[in-house]
Amino acid sequence: MSDPMIVDIYAAALSVKQRPATIRKWVNRGELTHHGYDHRRRVVVDLEELQALVIAKQTPQDVNAA
């Protein structure tokens, strides 16, 4: 497994076309791992984990599919 690509939530938000507030919510809910803070005290996350979460949230999950 490769090393995580750690970025602040503003760079992450631009990368996945989400608002920083949305990413903060996912971190607070435990849906996304918090990897600490950068030198400006901004929350940092793993970009690959975030991209996987965004894809999972965009994928329709129809439990009644036949």
PDB file of N, CA and C in Angstrom:
ATOM      1  N   MET A   1       0.844  -1.176   0.000  1.00  0.00           N
ATOM      2  CA  MET A   1       0.000   0.000   0.000  1.00  0.00           C
ATOM      3  C   MET A   1       0.890   1.241   0.000  1.00  0.00           C
ATOM      4  N   SER A   2       0.542   2.242  -0.791  1.00  0.00           N
ATOM      5  CA  SER A   2       1.347   3.453  -0.880  1.00  0.00           C
ATOM      6  C   SER A   2       1.065   4.384   0.297  1.00  0.00           C
ATOM      7  N   ASP A   3       1.953   5.320   0.486  1.00  0.00           N
ATOM      8  CA  ASP A   3       1.761   6.308   1.543  1.00  0.00           C
ATOM      9  C   ASP A   3       0.565   7.187   1.197  1.00  0.00           C
ATOM     10  N   PRO A   4      -0.184   7.619   2.210  1.00  0.00           N
ATOM     11  CA  PRO A   4      -1.336   8.478   1.932  1.00  0.00           C
ATOM     12  C   PRO A   4      -0.888   9.838   1.395  1.00  0.00           C
ATOM     13  N   MET A   5      -1.706  10.422   0.534  1.00  0.00           N
ATOM     14  CA  MET A   5      -1.454  11.763   0.024  1.00  0.00           C
ATOM     15  C   MET A   5      -2.220  12.725   0.922  1.00  0.00           C
ATOM     16  N   ILE A   6      -1.526  13.317   1.867  1.00  0.00           N
ATOM     17  CA  ILE A   6      -2.140  14.161   2.875  1.00  0.00           C
ATOM     18  C   ILE A   6      -2.222  15.600   2.364  1.00  0.00           C
ATOM     19  N   VAL A   7      -3.435  16.151   2.356  1.00  0.00           N
ATOM     20  CA  VAL A   7      -3.655  17.537   1.919  1.00  0.00           C
ATOM     21  C   VAL A   7      -4.628  18.210   2.882  1.00  0.00           C
ATOM     22  N   ASP A   8      -4.602  19.557   2.889  1.00  0.00           N
ATOM     23  CA  ASP A   8      -5.561  20.268   3.730  1.00  0.00           C
ATOM     24  C   ASP A   8      -6.949  20.205   3.078  1.00  0.00           C
ATOM     25  N   ILE A   9      -7.983  20.496   3.857  1.00  0.00           N
ATOM     26  CA  ILE A   9      -9.339  20.300   3.331  1.00  0.00           C
ATOM     27  C   ILE A   9      -9.690  21.273   2.213  1.00  0.00           C
ATOM     28  N   TYR A  10      -8.990  22.403   2.122  1.00  0.00           N
ATOM     29  CA  TYR A  10      -9.286  23.338   1.038  1.00  0.00           C
ATOM     30  C   TYR A  10      -8.771  22.796  -0.295  1.00  0.00           C
ATOM     31  N   ALA A  11      -7.576  22.240  -0.302  1.00  0.00           N
ATOM     32  CA  ALA A  11      -7.046  21.614  -1.511  1.00  0.00           C
ATOM     33  C   ALA A  11      -7.868  20.370  -1.853  1.00  0.00           C
ATOM     34  N   ALA A  12      -8.241  19.625  -0.825  1.00  0.00           N
ATOM     35  CA  ALA A  12      -9.058  18.432  -1.042  1.00  0.00           C
ATOM     36  C   ALA A  12     -10.406  18.801  -1.641  1.00  0.00           C
ATOM     37  N   ALA A  13     -11.006  19.863  -1.139  1.00  0.00           N
ATOM     38  CA  ALA A  13     -12.318  20.301  -1.635  1.00  0.00           C
ATOM     39  C   ALA A  13     -12.247  20.670  -3.114  1.00  0.00           C
ATOM     40  N   LEU A  14     -11.204  21.365  -3.507  1.00  0.00           N
ATOM     41  CA  LEU A  14     -11.034  21.711  -4.919  1.00  0.00           C
ATOM     42  C   LEU A  14     -10.872  20.459  -5.771  1.00  0.00           C
ATOM     43  N   SER A  15     -10.146  19.495  -5.256  1.00  0.00           N
ATOM     44  CA  SER A  15      -9.859  18.279  -6.007  1.00  0.00           C
ATOM     45  C   SER A  15     -11.108  17.455  -6.294  1.00  0.00           C
ATOM     46  N   VAL A  16     -12.024  17.394  -5.331  1.00  0.00           N
ATOM     47  CA  VAL A  16     -13.213  16.539  -5.490  1.00  0.00           C
ATOM     48  C   VAL A  16     -14.493  17.334  -5.709  1.00  0.00           C
ATOM     49  N   LYS A  17     -14.353  18.644  -5.914  1.00  0.00           N
ATOM     50  CA  LYS A  17     -15.498  19.522  -6.195  1.00  0.00           C
ATOM     51  C   LYS A  17     -16.567  19.453  -5.105  1.00  0.00           C
ATOM     52  N   GLN A  18     -16.109  19.546  -3.865  1.00  0.00           N
ATOM     53  CA  GLN A  18     -16.996  19.601  -2.702  1.00  0.00           C
ATOM     54  C   GLN A  18     -16.633  20.845  -1.904  1.00  0.00           C
ATOM     55  N   ARG A  19     -17.532  21.271  -1.033  1.00  0.00           N
ATOM     56  CA  ARG A  19     -17.238  22.403  -0.158  1.00  0.00           C
ATOM     57  C   ARG A  19     -16.390  21.931   1.023  1.00  0.00           C
ATOM     58  N   PRO A  20     -15.489  22.782   1.510  1.00  0.00           N
ATOM     59  CA  PRO A  20     -14.705  22.413   2.696  1.00  0.00           C
ATOM     60  C   PRO A  20     -15.599  22.040   3.883  1.00  0.00           C
ATOM     61  N   ALA A  21     -16.730  22.710   4.033  1.00  0.00           N
ATOM     62  CA  ALA A  21     -17.650  22.404   5.136  1.00  0.00           C
ATOM     63  C   ALA A  21     -18.175  20.971   5.036  1.00  0.00           C
ATOM     64  N   THR A  22     -18.396  20.492   3.828  1.00  0.00           N
ATOM     65  CA  THR A  22     -18.863  19.116   3.631  1.00  0.00           C
ATOM     66  C   THR A  22     -17.793  18.136   4.090  1.00  0.00           C
ATOM     67  N   ILE A  23     -16.556  18.422   3.755  1.00  0.00           N
ATOM     68  CA  ILE A  23     -15.459  17.542   4.158  1.00  0.00           C
ATOM     69  C   ILE A  23     -15.300  17.560   5.675  1.00  0.00           C
ATOM     70  N   ARG A  24     -15.444  18.741   6.290  1.00  0.00           N
ATOM     71  CA  ARG A  24     -15.392  18.827   7.755  1.00  0.00           C
ATOM     72  C   ARG A  24     -16.484  17.973   8.393  1.00  0.00           C
ATOM     73  N   LYS A  25     -17.688  17.992   7.824  1.00  0.00           N
ATOM     74  CA  LYS A  25     -18.781  17.165   8.349  1.00  0.00           C
ATOM     75  C   LYS A  25     -18.419  15.690   8.287  1.00  0.00           C
ATOM     76  N   TRP A  26     -17.856  15.256   7.167  1.00  0.00           N
ATOM     77  CA  TRP A  26     -17.481  13.850   7.020  1.00  0.00           C
ATOM     78  C   TRP A  26     -16.420  13.464   8.039  1.00  0.00           C
ATOM     79  N   VAL A  27     -15.481  14.378   8.313  1.00  0.00           N
ATOM     80  CA  VAL A  27     -14.462  14.116   9.331  1.00  0.00           C
ATOM     81  C   VAL A  27     -15.129  14.018  10.701  1.00  0.00           C
ATOM     82  N   ASN A  28     -16.004  14.965  11.013  1.00  0.00           N
ATOM     83  CA  ASN A  28     -16.675  14.982  12.321  1.00  0.00           C
ATOM     84  C   ASN A  28     -17.565  13.759  12.526  1.00  0.00           C
ATOM     85  N   ARG A  29     -18.167  13.258  11.465  1.00  0.00           N
ATOM     86  CA  ARG A  29     -19.029  12.072  11.548  1.00  0.00           C
ATOM     87  C   ARG A  29     -18.240  10.767  11.561  1.00  0.00           C
ATOM     88  N   GLY A  30     -16.947  10.851  11.326  1.00  0.00           N
ATOM     89  CA  GLY A  30     -16.118   9.652  11.310  1.00  0.00           C
ATOM     90  C   GLY A  30     -16.121   8.931   9.974  1.00  0.00           C
ATOM     91  N   GLU A  31     -16.673   9.559   8.949  1.00  0.00           N
ATOM     92  CA  GLU A  31     -16.695   8.951   7.618  1.00  0.00           C
ATOM     93  C   GLU A  31     -15.347   9.092   6.919  1.00  0.00           C
ATOM     94  N   LEU A  32     -14.545  10.033   7.381  1.00  0.00           N
ATOM     95  CA  LEU A  32     -13.254  10.329   6.775  1.00  0.00           C
ATOM     96  C   LEU A  32     -12.240  10.491   7.903  1.00  0.00           C
ATOM     97  N   THR A  33     -11.072   9.908   7.743  1.00  0.00           N
ATOM     98  CA  THR A  33     -10.052   9.940   8.791  1.00  0.00           C
ATOM     99  C   THR A  33      -9.386  11.305   8.880  1.00  0.00           C
ATOM    100  N   HIS A  34      -9.295  11.811  10.082  1.00  0.00           N
ATOM    101  CA  HIS A  34      -8.592  13.070  10.381  1.00  0.00           C
ATOM    102  C   HIS A  34      -7.121  12.734  10.574  1.00  0.00           C
ATOM    103  N   HIS A  35      -6.247  13.346   9.797  1.00  0.00           N
ATOM    104  CA  HIS A  35      -4.817  13.043   9.859  1.00  0.00           C
ATOM    105  C   HIS A  35      -4.015  14.159  10.527  1.00  0.00           C
ATOM    106  N   GLY A  36      -4.664  14.937  11.358  1.00  0.00           N
ATOM    107  CA  GLY A  36      -3.953  15.988  12.076  1.00  0.00           C
ATOM    108  C   GLY A  36      -4.180  17.348  11.454  1.00  0.00           C
ATOM    109  N   TYR A  37      -3.175  18.218  11.654  1.00  0.00           N
ATOM    110  CA  TYR A  37      -3.249  19.602  11.191  1.00  0.00           C
ATOM    111  C   TYR A  37      -1.966  19.962  10.453  1.00  0.00           C
ATOM    112  N   ASP A  38      -2.078  20.916   9.514  1.00  0.00           N
ATOM    113  CA  ASP A  38      -0.878  21.398   8.842  1.00  0.00           C
ATOM    114  C   ASP A  38      -0.282  22.563   9.652  1.00  0.00           C
ATOM    115  N   HIS A  39       0.737  23.210   9.111  1.00  0.00           N
ATOM    116  CA  HIS A  39       1.418  24.286   9.835  1.00  0.00           C
ATOM    117  C   HIS A  39       0.539  25.504  10.071  1.00  0.00           C
ATOM    118  N   ARG A  40      -0.563  25.610   9.323  1.00  0.00           N
ATOM    119  CA  ARG A  40      -1.523  26.703   9.522  1.00  0.00           C
ATOM    120  C   ARG A  40      -2.726  26.270  10.354  1.00  0.00           C
ATOM    121  N   ARG A  41      -2.629  25.094  10.971  1.00  0.00           N
ATOM    122  CA  ARG A  41      -3.679  24.532  11.838  1.00  0.00           C
ATOM    123  C   ARG A  41      -4.952  24.184  11.056  1.00  0.00           C
ATOM    124  N   ARG A  42      -4.803  23.867   9.762  1.00  0.00           N
ATOM    125  CA  ARG A  42      -5.932  23.403   8.961  1.00  0.00           C
ATOM    126  C   ARG A  42      -5.981  21.882   9.051  1.00  0.00           C
ATOM    127  N   VAL A  43      -7.189  21.347   9.071  1.00  0.00           N
ATOM    128  CA  VAL A  43      -7.379  19.894   9.096  1.00  0.00           C
ATOM    129  C   VAL A  43      -6.796  19.308   7.821  1.00  0.00           C
ATOM    130  N   VAL A  44      -6.094  18.168   7.961  1.00  0.00           N
ATOM    131  CA  VAL A  44      -5.575  17.483   6.783  1.00  0.00           C
ATOM    132  C   VAL A  44      -6.175  16.080   6.693  1.00  0.00           C
ATOM    133  N   VAL A  45      -6.402  15.649   5.457  1.00  0.00           N
ATOM    134  CA  VAL A  45      -7.026  14.353   5.177  1.00  0.00           C
ATOM    135  C   VAL A  45      -6.252  13.652   4.070  1.00  0.00           C
ATOM    136  N   ASP A  46      -6.515  12.368   3.916  1.00  0.00           N
ATOM    137  CA  ASP A  46      -5.918  11.571   2.849  1.00  0.00           C
ATOM    138  C   ASP A  46      -6.762  11.758   1.592  1.00  0.00           C
ATOM    139  N   LEU A  47      -6.155  12.299   0.557  1.00  0.00           N
ATOM    140  CA  LEU A  47      -6.885  12.597  -0.671  1.00  0.00           C
ATOM    141  C   LEU A  47      -7.459  11.338  -1.314  1.00  0.00           C
ATOM    142  N   GLU A  48      -6.720  10.239  -1.296  1.00  0.00           N
ATOM    143  CA  GLU A  48      -7.223   8.997  -1.900  1.00  0.00           C
ATOM    144  C   GLU A  48      -8.436   8.466  -1.140  1.00  0.00           C
ATOM    145  N   GLU A  49      -8.402   8.556   0.195  1.00  0.00           N
ATOM    146  CA  GLU A  49      -9.543   8.127   0.999  1.00  0.00           C
ATOM    147  C   GLU A  49     -10.752   9.009   0.700  1.00  0.00           C
ATOM    148  N   LEU A  50     -10.532  10.312   0.561  1.00  0.00           N
ATOM    149  CA  LEU A  50     -11.615  11.236   0.238  1.00  0.00           C
ATOM    150  C   LEU A  50     -12.209  10.928  -1.132  1.00  0.00           C
ATOM    151  N   GLN A  51     -11.361  10.684  -2.115  1.00  0.00           N
ATOM    152  CA  GLN A  51     -11.861  10.372  -3.458  1.00  0.00           C
ATOM    153  C   GLN A  51     -12.707   9.103  -3.443  1.00  0.00           C
ATOM    154  N   ALA A  52     -12.285   8.097  -2.697  1.00  0.00           N
ATOM    155  CA  ALA A  52     -13.061   6.858  -2.583  1.00  0.00           C
ATOM    156  C   ALA A  52     -14.407   7.122  -1.905  1.00  0.00           C
ATOM    157  N   LEU A  53     -14.422   7.983  -0.889  1.00  0.00           N
ATOM    158  CA  LEU A  53     -15.665   8.310  -0.198  1.00  0.00           C
ATOM    159  C   LEU A  53     -16.636   9.036  -1.128  1.00  0.00           C
ATOM    160  N   VAL A  54     -16.121   9.970  -1.903  1.00  0.00           N
ATOM    161  CA  VAL A  54     -16.965  10.715  -2.844  1.00  0.00           C
ATOM    162  C   VAL A  54     -17.570   9.767  -3.869  1.00  0.00           C
ATOM    163  N   ILE A  55     -16.783   8.850  -4.395  1.00  0.00           N
ATOM    164  CA  ILE A  55     -17.291   7.869  -5.367  1.00  0.00           C
ATOM    165  C   ILE A  55     -18.361   7.004  -4.724  1.00  0.00           C
ATOM    166  N   ALA A  56     -18.127   6.562  -3.497  1.00  0.00           N
ATOM    167  CA  ALA A  56     -19.104   5.720  -2.797  1.00  0.00           C
ATOM    168  C   ALA A  56     -20.411   6.471  -2.559  1.00  0.00           C
ATOM    169  N   LYS A  57     -20.328   7.757  -2.262  1.00  0.00           N
ATOM    170  CA  LYS A  57     -21.531   8.559  -2.016  1.00  0.00           C
ATOM    171  C   LYS A  57     -22.279   8.859  -3.310  1.00  0.00           C
ATOM    172  N   GLN A  58     -21.587   8.875  -4.445  1.00  0.00           N
ATOM    173  CA  GLN A  58     -22.230   9.128  -5.729  1.00  0.00           C
ATOM    174  C   GLN A  58     -22.860   7.882  -6.317  1.00  0.00           C
ATOM    175  N   THR A  59     -22.426   6.713  -5.882  1.00  0.00           N
ATOM    176  CA  THR A  59     -22.927   5.462  -6.409  1.00  0.00           C
ATOM    177  C   THR A  59     -24.291   5.166  -5.801  1.00  0.00           C
ATOM    178  N   PRO A  60     -25.320   5.018  -6.636  1.00  0.00           N
ATOM    179  CA  PRO A  60     -26.651   4.700  -6.073  1.00  0.00           C
ATOM    180  C   PRO A  60     -26.630   3.336  -5.402  1.00  0.00           C
ATOM    181  N   GLN A  61     -27.203   3.282  -4.236  1.00  0.00           N
ATOM    182  CA  GLN A  61     -27.230   2.036  -3.479  1.00  0.00           C
ATOM    183  C   GLN A  61     -28.684   1.608  -3.302  1.00  0.00           C
ATOM    184  N   ASP A  62     -29.224   0.987  -4.322  1.00  0.00           N
ATOM    185  CA  ASP A  62     -30.615   0.543  -4.302  1.00  0.00           C
ATOM    186  C   ASP A  62     -30.662  -0.847  -3.669  1.00  0.00           C
ATOM    187  N   VAL A  63     -31.144  -0.919  -2.439  1.00  0.00           N
ATOM    188  CA  VAL A  63     -31.202  -2.205  -1.733  1.00  0.00           C
ATOM    189  C   VAL A  63     -32.335  -3.073  -2.236  1.00  0.00           C
ATOM    190  N   ASN A  64     -33.264  -2.511  -3.000  1.00  0.00           N
ATOM    191  CA  ASN A  64     -34.401  -3.285  -3.500  1.00  0.00           C
ATOM    192  C   ASN A  64     -34.194  -3.745  -4.944  1.00  0.00           C
ATOM    193  N   ALA A  65     -32.972  -3.630  -5.435  1.00  0.00           N
ATOM    194  CA  ALA A  65     -32.697  -4.026  -6.816  1.00  0.00           C
ATOM    195  C   ALA A  65     -32.901  -5.534  -6.982  1.00  0.00           C
ATOM    196  N   ALA A  66     -33.509  -5.887  -8.074  1.00  0.00           N
ATOM    197  CA  ALA A  66     -33.804  -7.309  -8.319  1.00  0.00           C
ATOM    198  C   ALA A  66     -32.680  -7.961  -9.074  1.00  0.00           C
TER     199      ALA A  66
END
